[in-house]
């Protein structure tokens, strides 16, 4: 014979949880960081190693961790850690209207520099040759 809790006990349990959780307040959140786009005057200004999350558009569960090494002359190499393995590539950035731009038979990438509170971030948009769109936010690697 199957025995179940009476309905009132479920209501009482929910009420107790509500009362207990009401006493816990979340701390006030500080203002979110206000990132401001800064024109890139020279590719050498963003030379170095950057890493962060790369997402597909529309979003799916296959976000990748990407690392990009940019040389002062604009050449770059990247690697992306995926659940199915590592994807790597290279290319060369040109400077156009204060942004980095790269075009090849594999796709296009445009990246802009943002700053906030002494931090820097490159926000990139890309489109692969197969039509898949990507975005990435990378910060200087530590």
Protein backbone atom coordinates (compact mmCIF):
# COMPACT_ATOMS: atom_id res chain seq x y z
CA UNK A 1 0.00 0.00 0.00
CA UNK A 2 1.43 3.38 -1.03
CA UNK A 3 1.39 6.08 1.62
CA UNK A 4 1.73 9.80 0.83
CA UNK A 5 2.10 12.90 2.96
CA UNK A 6 -1.09 14.78 3.60
CA UNK A 7 -1.49 17.87 1.45
CA UNK A 8 -1.40 20.23 4.46
CA UNK A 9 2.11 19.06 5.41
CA UNK A 10 3.41 20.13 1.99
CA UNK A 11 1.81 23.55 2.43
CA UNK A 12 3.29 23.86 5.93
CA UNK A 13 6.77 22.92 4.67
CA UNK A 14 6.55 25.53 1.91
CA UNK A 15 5.41 28.16 4.42
CA UNK A 16 8.33 27.38 6.76
CA UNK A 17 10.79 27.65 3.87
CA UNK A 18 9.30 30.98 2.85
CA UNK A 19 9.51 32.40 6.39
CA UNK A 20 13.10 31.21 6.88
CA UNK A 21 14.28 32.53 3.50
CA UNK A 22 12.57 35.89 4.07
CA UNK A 23 14.94 36.57 6.96
CA UNK A 24 17.96 36.27 4.68
CA UNK A 25 18.54 39.40 2.70
CA UNK A 26 20.85 39.63 -0.24
CA UNK A 27 23.58 42.25 0.06
CA UNK A 28 23.22 45.39 -1.99
CA UNK A 29 24.82 45.09 -5.37
CA UNK A 30 27.35 47.62 -6.46
CA UNK A 31 26.84 49.40 -9.74
CA UNK A 32 27.80 47.20 -12.66
CA UNK A 33 31.08 48.10 -14.31
CA UNK A 34 30.53 50.66 -17.05
CA UNK A 35 32.72 49.61 -19.97
CA UNK A 36 33.56 52.42 -22.38
CA UNK A 37 34.74 51.77 -25.93
CA UNK A 38 38.19 53.21 -26.63
CA UNK A 39 39.54 53.57 -30.18
CA UNK A 40 42.62 51.47 -30.88
CA UNK A 41 45.31 53.81 -32.25
CA UNK A 42 47.89 51.10 -32.99
CA UNK A 43 47.66 47.30 -33.01
CA UNK A 44 50.68 47.29 -30.67
CA UNK A 45 48.39 48.87 -28.03
CA UNK A 46 46.54 45.53 -27.70
CA UNK A 47 49.52 43.21 -28.23
CA UNK A 48 49.71 40.36 -25.74
CA UNK A 49 47.78 37.33 -24.62
CA UNK A 50 44.03 37.60 -24.06
CA UNK A 51 41.51 34.98 -22.94
CA UNK A 52 37.83 34.64 -22.19
CA UNK A 53 34.55 33.08 -23.20
CA UNK A 54 33.44 32.75 -26.80
CA UNK A 55 29.73 32.16 -27.44
CA UNK A 56 27.77 31.07 -30.46
CA UNK A 57 24.73 33.01 -31.63
CA UNK A 58 22.09 31.87 -31.04
CA UNK A 59 23.43 30.67 -27.67
CA UNK A 60 23.83 26.98 -27.06
CA UNK A 61 25.57 24.81 -24.52
CA UNK A 62 28.81 24.72 -26.48
CA UNK A 63 30.48 27.93 -25.31
CA UNK A 64 34.25 27.78 -25.71
CA UNK A 65 37.20 29.19 -23.77
CA UNK A 66 39.38 31.07 -26.24
CA UNK A 67 42.95 32.32 -25.93
CA UNK A 68 44.30 34.88 -28.42
CA UNK A 69 47.93 36.01 -28.71
CA UNK A 70 48.30 39.27 -30.65
CA UNK A 71 51.71 40.39 -31.91
CA UNK A 72 52.56 44.12 -32.19
CA UNK A 73 52.48 43.83 -36.00
CA UNK A 74 48.88 42.50 -35.99
CA UNK A 75 49.56 38.80 -36.48
CA UNK A 76 47.57 36.63 -34.12
CA UNK A 77 47.14 33.03 -33.10
CA UNK A 78 44.17 31.61 -31.24
CA UNK A 79 43.11 28.37 -29.64
CA UNK A 80 39.68 27.42 -28.45
CA UNK A 81 39.03 24.66 -25.93
CA UNK A 82 35.94 22.75 -26.98
CA UNK A 83 34.26 19.68 -25.61
CA UNK A 84 35.22 17.88 -28.83
CA UNK A 85 38.84 19.03 -28.87
CA UNK A 86 41.02 22.06 -29.51
CA UNK A 87 40.41 24.41 -32.44
CA UNK A 88 43.35 26.60 -33.48
CA UNK A 89 44.08 29.18 -36.11
CA UNK A 90 45.98 32.28 -37.02
CA UNK A 91 45.65 35.41 -39.08
CA UNK A 92 46.44 39.09 -39.17
CA UNK A 93 44.51 42.02 -37.79
CA UNK A 94 44.30 45.31 -39.64
CA UNK A 95 43.22 48.51 -37.98
CA UNK A 96 40.04 50.10 -39.31
CA UNK A 97 38.24 53.01 -37.66
CA UNK A 98 39.77 52.25 -34.25
CA UNK A 99 38.88 48.54 -34.33
CA UNK A 100 40.71 45.34 -35.22
CA UNK A 101 39.52 43.60 -38.38
CA UNK A 102 40.51 40.24 -39.86
CA UNK A 103 39.10 38.57 -42.98
CA UNK A 104 40.00 35.20 -44.44
CA UNK A 105 38.41 32.29 -46.25
CA UNK A 106 37.48 30.89 -42.81
CA UNK A 107 35.51 33.97 -41.76
CA UNK A 108 35.67 37.50 -40.39
CA UNK A 109 36.37 39.00 -36.97
CA UNK A 110 35.94 42.56 -35.70
CA UNK A 111 37.15 43.50 -32.22
CA UNK A 112 36.83 46.70 -30.21
CA UNK A 113 38.71 47.73 -27.08
CA UNK A 114 36.78 48.64 -23.92
CA UNK A 115 38.05 50.03 -20.62
CA UNK A 116 36.57 50.36 -17.14
CA UNK A 117 38.17 50.98 -13.77
CA UNK A 118 41.69 50.34 -15.01
CA UNK A 119 40.69 47.09 -16.75
CA UNK A 120 40.73 46.36 -20.46
CA UNK A 121 38.60 44.00 -22.54
CA UNK A 122 38.34 43.18 -26.23
CA UNK A 123 34.79 42.51 -27.41
CA UNK A 124 34.77 40.61 -30.68
CA UNK A 125 32.11 39.61 -33.19
CA UNK A 126 32.81 37.03 -35.81
CA UNK A 127 31.21 35.01 -38.55
CA UNK A 128 32.59 31.68 -39.72
CA UNK A 129 32.52 30.70 -43.38
CA UNK A 130 29.63 28.32 -42.59
CA UNK A 131 27.52 31.30 -41.40
CA UNK A 132 27.85 30.64 -37.66
CA UNK A 133 28.04 33.88 -35.66
CA UNK A 134 30.19 34.25 -32.55
CA UNK A 135 30.86 36.83 -29.85
CA UNK A 136 33.75 36.86 -27.41
CA UNK A 137 34.82 38.96 -24.47
CA UNK A 138 38.50 38.50 -23.69
CA UNK A 139 40.66 40.17 -21.07
CA UNK A 140 44.43 40.22 -20.68
CA UNK A 141 45.54 36.74 -19.60
CA UNK A 142 47.13 36.44 -16.18
